[in-house]
Amino acid sequence: MSLTRKAWQLLVGFLLVGCTIGQAAVSIPQPTVTNSPMEAALLPTLGATVAPLPATQTAVPTATALPTITPVVSNVQATPSSTATFAAYGVAQTIGYSANGRAIESYRFGFGSQSIVLVGGIHGGYEWNTIVLAYDMIDYFLANPDEIPSNVSLYIIPSANPDGQFTVTGVDGRFTAGDVSGDIRLGRFNGNEVDLNRNFACDWQPEGVWGETVVSGGVAPFSEPETAALRTFFLRERPAMVLFWHSKADGIYVGSCENLFQPSLEIAEQYGRASGYTVYEEFSAYHVTGDASDWLATQNIPSFTVELKTRSGTDWEMNLAGVLVLLDFYGR
């Protein structure tokens, strides 16, 4: 059968088109499919096969064990294991630093809402026996934690003037009577040569007196880092009362500013009856300015000063009896 010229042209056209389509089909590259994060998460659910990681890679474990970290605890006195309770830990906290950069520490016993604060050594090495007494109290309550009522927190600041302590003892922290040497009068002041018990904001003066000696009260109330630290501590804790140990006027002196502060007198009388010290409504030997107990009265915080009998003794039995009465009074 012969084909017409028109038929041949149509046949050749169809053949050429078919070859072009076949070549195009072979040469078109296959698209790379990239799954979105959501699609990737759904692949196992949809039955897709997840390719394993190449041999050179390491799968990320589903859980990694954290390393054990041992906390570092500083300034902690361990309670005796035979008597320790949750209420007494004897934990020391640095509440500030002296003019020469020494730490001022407060030891805490108990976690009650009624706070009692006992302070030694505000006159540093000149009244070093008050610091010894404060450390003796710390040791007593470490050994007798059950003496702390559940509603009381007892704070003991053994050395409020560590610069003055170091001047006389050459020791930071605990010391013994054997460490005391030289003229103890030089240890009354801080590293700035300020009498810290003339630096509080009650009848403050830039110059105060100590007997017949003129002493510096600082350039302003709370100008010294020690008194500023005590102010911050007292105003933060808002204690039920504060006691300062001094030596050696042999008596209890009530903290008041201008007028007698009756709450200070009432709690001082409690301490006086238990300890045997005589209670005085004011210190009259000479005019005292910028006194710590007096300033606390302006903050409605009862306070008094206990003056020990001598420069070297602690009147231990008397003061222990007084402190235990305070604990009983506020622990009711």
Protein backbone atom coordinates (compact mmCIF):
# COMPACT_ATOMS: atom_id res chain seq x y z
CA MET A 1 0.00 0.00 0.00
CA SER A 2 1.42 3.35 -1.02
CA LEU A 3 1.15 6.47 1.16
CA THR A 4 0.37 9.89 -0.04
CA ARG A 5 2.82 12.73 0.51
CA LYS A 6 0.52 14.17 3.19
CA ALA A 7 0.33 10.85 5.04
CA TRP A 8 4.16 10.52 5.09
CA GLN A 9 4.50 13.96 6.62
CA LEU A 10 2.02 13.16 9.40
CA LEU A 11 3.76 9.84 10.21
CA VAL A 12 7.19 11.43 10.46
CA GLY A 13 5.80 14.20 12.75
CA PHE A 14 4.29 11.69 15.14
CA LEU A 15 7.60 9.78 15.34
CA LEU A 16 9.62 12.94 16.06
CA VAL A 17 7.27 14.06 18.85
CA GLY A 18 7.42 10.64 20.54
CA CYS A 19 11.25 10.66 20.60
CA THR A 20 11.37 14.14 22.12
CA ILE A 21 8.96 13.17 24.88
CA GLY A 22 10.97 10.05 25.72
CA GLN A 23 14.23 11.96 25.92
CA ALA A 24 12.62 14.59 28.16
CA ALA A 25 11.30 11.90 30.48
CA VAL A 26 14.76 10.42 30.87
CA SER A 27 16.58 13.72 31.41
CA ILE A 28 14.22 15.32 34.01
CA PRO A 29 15.90 15.03 37.47
CA GLN A 30 13.97 13.56 40.36
CA PRO A 31 12.99 16.25 42.97
CA THR A 32 14.48 16.07 46.46
CA VAL A 33 11.71 15.83 49.02
CA THR A 34 12.34 17.72 52.28
CA ASN A 35 9.92 17.14 55.11
CA SER A 36 8.89 20.01 57.38
CA PRO A 37 9.49 19.50 61.13
CA MET A 38 5.81 18.71 61.61
CA GLU A 39 5.86 16.19 58.70
CA ALA A 40 9.00 14.61 60.09
CA ALA A 41 7.35 14.16 63.45
CA LEU A 42 4.35 12.48 61.77
CA LEU A 43 6.34 10.11 59.57
CA PRO A 44 6.42 7.20 62.06
CA THR A 45 2.67 7.57 62.55
CA LEU A 46 2.09 7.61 58.80
CA GLY A 47 4.10 4.44 58.34
CA ALA A 48 7.12 6.05 56.70
CA THR A 49 10.49 4.41 57.06
CA VAL A 50 13.02 6.50 58.97
CA ALA A 51 16.52 5.99 57.68
CA PRO A 52 19.15 5.12 60.31
CA LEU A 53 21.90 7.58 61.09
CA PRO A 54 25.11 7.11 59.14
CA ALA A 55 27.71 5.00 60.88
CA THR A 56 29.90 8.04 61.51
CA GLN A 57 27.24 9.78 63.58
CA THR A 58 26.15 9.05 67.13
CA ALA A 59 22.53 9.21 68.12
CA VAL A 60 21.64 11.70 70.84
CA PRO A 61 20.51 9.79 73.94
CA THR A 62 17.01 10.49 75.13
CA ALA A 63 18.19 11.23 78.68
CA THR A 64 21.56 12.35 79.99
CA ALA A 65 22.52 11.74 83.60
CA LEU A 66 23.46 14.97 85.34
CA PRO A 67 26.75 14.99 87.26
CA THR A 68 26.53 14.91 91.03
CA ILE A 69 27.24 18.35 92.53
CA THR A 70 28.43 18.61 96.13
CA PRO A 71 27.35 21.96 97.59
CA VAL A 72 30.02 24.04 99.27
CA VAL A 73 28.94 25.17 102.71
CA SER A 74 31.02 27.76 104.55
CA ASN A 75 30.84 29.27 107.99
CA VAL A 76 28.66 26.48 109.39
CA GLN A 77 29.12 25.09 112.88
CA ALA A 78 27.81 21.54 113.14
CA THR A 79 25.44 20.86 116.02
CA PRO A 80 26.25 17.93 118.32
CA SER A 81 24.72 14.82 116.77
CA SER A 82 23.31 13.64 120.08
CA THR A 83 21.20 16.73 120.68
CA ALA A 84 20.75 18.38 117.27
CA THR A 85 17.24 19.41 116.34
CA PHE A 86 15.75 21.32 113.43
CA ALA A 87 15.49 24.38 115.66
CA ALA A 88 19.19 24.97 116.31
CA TYR A 89 21.84 24.95 113.63
CA GLY A 90 24.39 27.53 114.75
CA VAL A 91 24.74 28.79 111.19
CA ALA A 92 27.04 31.81 110.81
CA GLN A 93 26.12 34.50 108.29
CA THR A 94 28.31 37.44 107.32
CA ILE A 95 26.16 40.53 107.76
CA GLY A 96 28.79 43.10 106.79
CA TYR A 97 32.45 44.04 106.89
CA SER A 98 34.61 46.30 109.02
CA ALA A 99 36.49 49.38 107.86
CA ASN A 100 39.51 47.12 107.27
CA GLY A 101 37.48 44.47 105.47
CA ARG A 102 36.97 41.93 108.26
CA ALA A 103 33.74 39.94 108.36
CA ILE A 104 31.04 40.67 110.94
CA GLU A 105 29.25 37.41 111.65
CA SER A 106 25.88 36.56 113.14
CA TYR A 107 25.12 33.04 114.44
CA ARG A 108 21.52 31.95 114.25
CA PHE A 109 19.69 29.41 116.41
CA GLY A 110 16.06 28.56 115.62
CA PHE A 111 13.53 29.74 113.06
CA GLY A 112 10.77 31.29 115.14
CA SER A 113 9.02 34.58 114.50
CA GLN A 114 10.27 36.17 117.74
CA SER A 115 13.89 37.27 117.25
CA ILE A 116 16.36 38.01 120.05
CA VAL A 117 19.78 39.51 119.25
CA LEU A 118 22.85 39.40 121.53
CA VAL A 119 25.83 41.57 120.54
CA GLY A 120 29.38 41.52 121.88
CA GLY A 121 32.52 43.48 121.15
CA ILE A 122 31.19 46.76 119.78
CA HIS A 123 34.19 48.26 121.56
CA GLY A 124 36.47 45.61 120.10
CA GLY A 125 39.57 44.55 121.96
CA TYR A 126 39.05 47.08 124.73
CA GLU A 127 36.09 44.97 125.86
CA TRP A 128 37.43 41.65 124.64
CA ASN A 129 35.73 39.72 127.48
CA THR A 130 32.32 40.53 125.94
CA ILE A 131 33.45 38.73 122.77
CA VAL A 132 34.53 35.70 124.80
CA LEU A 133 31.15 35.72 126.54
CA ALA A 134 29.32 35.78 123.19
CA TYR A 135 31.32 32.80 121.90
CA ASP A 136 30.62 30.94 125.15
CA MET A 137 26.90 31.53 124.51
CA ILE A 138 27.28 30.18 120.98
CA ASP A 139 28.92 27.02 122.33
CA TYR A 140 26.23 26.61 124.97
CA PHE A 141 23.37 26.69 122.49
CA LEU A 142 25.21 24.41 120.06
CA ALA A 143 25.33 21.89 122.88
CA ASN A 144 21.79 22.63 124.14
CA PRO A 145 19.57 23.29 121.13
CA ASP A 146 16.44 22.28 123.05
CA GLU A 147 16.77 25.49 125.06
CA ILE A 148 15.57 27.46 122.01
CA PRO A 149 11.76 27.73 122.00
CA SER A 150 10.10 26.80 118.72
CA ASN A 151 8.78 30.33 118.17
CA VAL A 152 12.14 32.05 118.79
CA SER A 153 15.14 32.86 116.61
CA LEU A 154 18.25 33.66 118.63
CA TYR A 155 21.00 35.66 116.89
CA ILE A 156 24.44 36.12 118.45
CA ILE A 157 26.90 38.62 116.94
CA PRO A 158 30.11 37.89 118.88
CA SER A 159 32.32 40.68 117.55
CA ALA A 160 30.70 43.83 116.16
CA ASN A 161 34.11 45.54 115.89
CA PRO A 162 36.53 42.96 114.45
CA ASP A 163 39.15 45.63 113.65
CA GLY A 164 39.36 46.61 117.31
CA GLN A 165 39.49 42.95 118.31
CA PHE A 166 42.40 42.29 115.95
CA THR A 167 44.32 45.31 117.26
CA VAL A 168 44.47 43.71 120.72
CA THR A 169 44.51 39.97 119.96
CA GLY A 170 46.10 39.69 116.50
CA VAL A 171 43.37 37.12 115.77
CA ASP A 172 40.27 37.14 113.58
CA GLY A 173 37.36 35.11 114.97
CA ARG A 174 37.78 33.08 118.14
CA PHE A 175 40.66 33.82 120.47
CA THR A 176 41.69 33.17 124.05
CA ALA A 177 42.67 35.45 126.91
CA GLY A 178 46.26 34.48 126.21
CA ASP A 179 46.05 36.22 122.81
CA VAL A 180 45.34 39.60 124.44
CA SER A 181 48.38 41.86 124.61
CA GLY A 182 49.43 45.50 124.59
CA ASP A 183 47.35 48.52 125.51
CA ILE A 184 43.75 47.34 125.20
CA ARG A 185 42.51 50.94 124.98
CA LEU A 186 43.81 51.03 121.38
CA GLY A 187 41.31 48.30 120.46
CA ARG A 188 38.23 50.36 121.31
CA PHE A 189 37.98 51.88 117.82
CA ASN A 190 37.49 50.53 114.29
CA GLY A 191 39.98 50.84 111.44
CA ASN A 192 38.89 54.45 110.87
CA GLU A 193 39.59 55.28 114.54
CA VAL A 194 35.87 55.85 115.20
CA ASP A 195 34.11 54.82 118.41
CA LEU A 196 31.28 52.75 116.94
CA ASN A 197 29.03 53.30 119.96
CA ARG A 198 29.07 57.02 119.18
CA ASN A 199 28.05 56.54 115.54
CA PHE A 200 24.30 55.78 115.82
CA ALA A 201 21.49 58.22 115.10
CA CYS A 202 20.38 59.26 118.58
CA ASP A 203 21.82 62.54 119.83
CA TRP A 204 24.73 61.96 117.43
CA GLN A 205 27.72 64.31 117.52
CA PRO A 206 30.89 64.26 115.37
CA GLU A 207 32.85 64.20 118.63
CA GLY A 208 31.76 62.26 121.67
CA VAL A 209 33.36 61.52 124.99
CA TRP A 210 34.65 58.39 126.67
CA GLY A 211 35.09 59.41 130.24
CA GLU A 212 37.23 62.51 129.91
CA THR A 213 38.63 61.47 126.51
CA VAL A 214 37.25 63.01 123.31
CA VAL A 215 36.53 60.35 120.68
CA SER A 216 35.37 60.43 117.07
CA GLY A 217 31.69 59.80 116.38
CA GLY A 218 32.33 59.59 112.63
CA VAL A 219 31.46 62.11 109.95
CA ALA A 220 27.73 61.29 110.14
CA PRO A 221 25.41 58.75 111.79
CA PHE A 222 26.11 55.29 110.35
CA SER A 223 29.15 56.58 108.46
CA GLU A 224 31.05 53.45 109.47
CA PRO A 225 30.55 50.14 107.65
CA GLU A 226 30.08 48.28 110.93
CA THR A 227 27.23 50.46 112.19
CA ALA A 228 25.64 50.57 108.74
CA ALA A 229 25.69 46.76 108.66
CA LEU A 230 24.10 46.54 112.11
CA ARG A 231 21.41 49.06 111.14
CA THR A 232 20.54 47.03 108.02
CA PHE A 233 20.46 43.81 110.03
CA PHE A 234 18.24 45.21 112.79
CA LEU A 235 15.78 46.86 110.43
CA ARG A 236 15.52 43.74 108.29
CA GLU A 237 15.02 41.31 111.18
CA ARG A 238 12.90 43.66 113.37
CA PRO A 239 13.90 41.77 116.54
CA ALA A 240 11.75 41.64 119.65
CA MET A 241 14.77 42.94 121.62
CA VAL A 242 18.52 43.55 121.38
CA LEU A 243 21.13 43.17 124.13
CA PHE A 244 24.65 44.68 123.98
CA TRP A 245 27.41 43.39 126.28
CA HIS A 246 29.95 45.96 127.51
CA SER A 247 32.45 46.15 130.36
CA LYS A 248 32.96 47.17 133.11
CA ALA A 249 30.31 49.37 134.77
CA ASP A 250 28.58 46.41 136.51
CA GLY A 251 24.91 46.94 135.76
CA ILE A 252 22.13 47.07 133.16
CA TYR A 253 21.42 50.34 131.36
CA VAL A 254 18.13 50.89 129.53
CA GLY A 255 18.15 52.05 125.92
CA SER A 256 16.15 55.24 125.46
CA CYS A 257 16.39 58.35 123.28
CA GLU A 258 15.33 61.60 125.01
CA ASN A 259 12.56 60.01 127.06
CA LEU A 260 12.52 56.68 128.89
CA PHE A 261 11.46 53.87 126.52
CA GLN A 262 9.22 51.74 128.71
CA PRO A 263 9.47 48.46 126.70
CA SER A 264 13.26 48.56 127.13
CA LEU A 265 12.91 49.03 130.87
CA GLU A 266 10.44 46.16 131.21
CA ILE A 267 12.61 43.59 129.48
CA ALA A 268 15.77 44.90 131.20
CA GLU A 269 14.09 44.27 134.55
CA GLN A 270 13.38 40.67 133.52
CA TYR A 271 17.08 40.17 132.80
CA GLY A 272 18.10 41.99 135.98
CA ARG A 273 15.95 39.82 138.27
CA ALA A 274 17.36 36.62 136.74
CA SER A 275 20.99 37.70 136.56
CA GLY A 276 21.36 39.79 139.71
CA TYR A 277 22.59 42.93 137.93
CA THR A 278 21.13 46.25 139.07
CA VAL A 279 19.00 47.99 136.43
CA TYR A 280 19.52 51.71 135.75
CA GLU A 281 17.22 53.83 133.64
CA GLU A 282 20.16 55.78 132.22
CA PHE A 283 23.94 55.88 132.16
CA SER A 284 24.93 58.92 134.22
CA ALA A 285 28.71 58.73 134.58
CA TYR A 286 29.09 61.02 131.55
CA HIS A 287 27.02 62.09 128.55
CA VAL A 288 26.88 59.43 125.84
CA THR A 289 26.00 60.41 122.26
CA GLY A 290 25.21 58.17 119.28
CA ASP A 291 24.58 55.06 121.39
CA ALA A 292 23.30 51.87 119.72
CA SER A 293 20.70 50.93 122.36
CA ASP A 294 19.36 54.46 122.41
CA TRP A 295 18.95 54.51 118.61
CA LEU A 296 17.01 51.22 118.70
CA ALA A 297 14.43 52.91 120.94
CA THR A 298 13.73 55.33 118.07
CA GLN A 299 12.89 52.27 115.97
CA ASN A 300 10.53 50.89 118.66
CA ILE A 301 12.91 47.99 119.33
CA PRO A 302 13.52 47.35 123.05
CA SER A 303 17.21 47.26 123.92
CA PHE A 304 19.56 47.49 126.87
CA THR A 305 23.26 47.29 127.71
CA VAL A 306 24.70 44.78 130.17
CA GLU A 307 27.97 46.06 131.67
CA LEU A 308 30.12 43.20 133.00
CA LYS A 309 31.82 43.55 136.39
CA THR A 310 35.43 43.40 135.22
CA ARG A 311 37.60 43.74 132.10
CA SER A 312 38.47 40.03 132.02
CA GLY A 313 35.58 38.00 133.48
CA THR A 314 32.37 37.03 131.68
CA ASP A 315 29.96 36.73 134.64
CA TRP A 316 28.91 33.53 132.91
CA GLU A 317 26.32 32.20 135.35
CA MET A 318 24.65 35.60 135.69
CA ASN A 319 24.39 36.18 131.94
CA LEU A 320 23.30 32.65 131.10
CA ALA A 321 20.47 32.99 133.62
CA GLY A 322 19.47 36.30 132.04
CA VAL A 323 19.50 34.95 128.48
CA LEU A 324 17.44 31.89 129.46
CA VAL A 325 14.83 34.21 130.99
CA LEU A 326 14.67 36.15 127.71
CA LEU A 327 14.08 32.89 125.82
CA ASP A 328 11.36 31.90 128.26
CA PHE A 329 9.72 35.32 128.12
CA TYR A 330 9.55 35.50 124.32
CA GLY A 331 8.90 31.77 123.95
CA ARG A 332 5.57 31.89 125.76
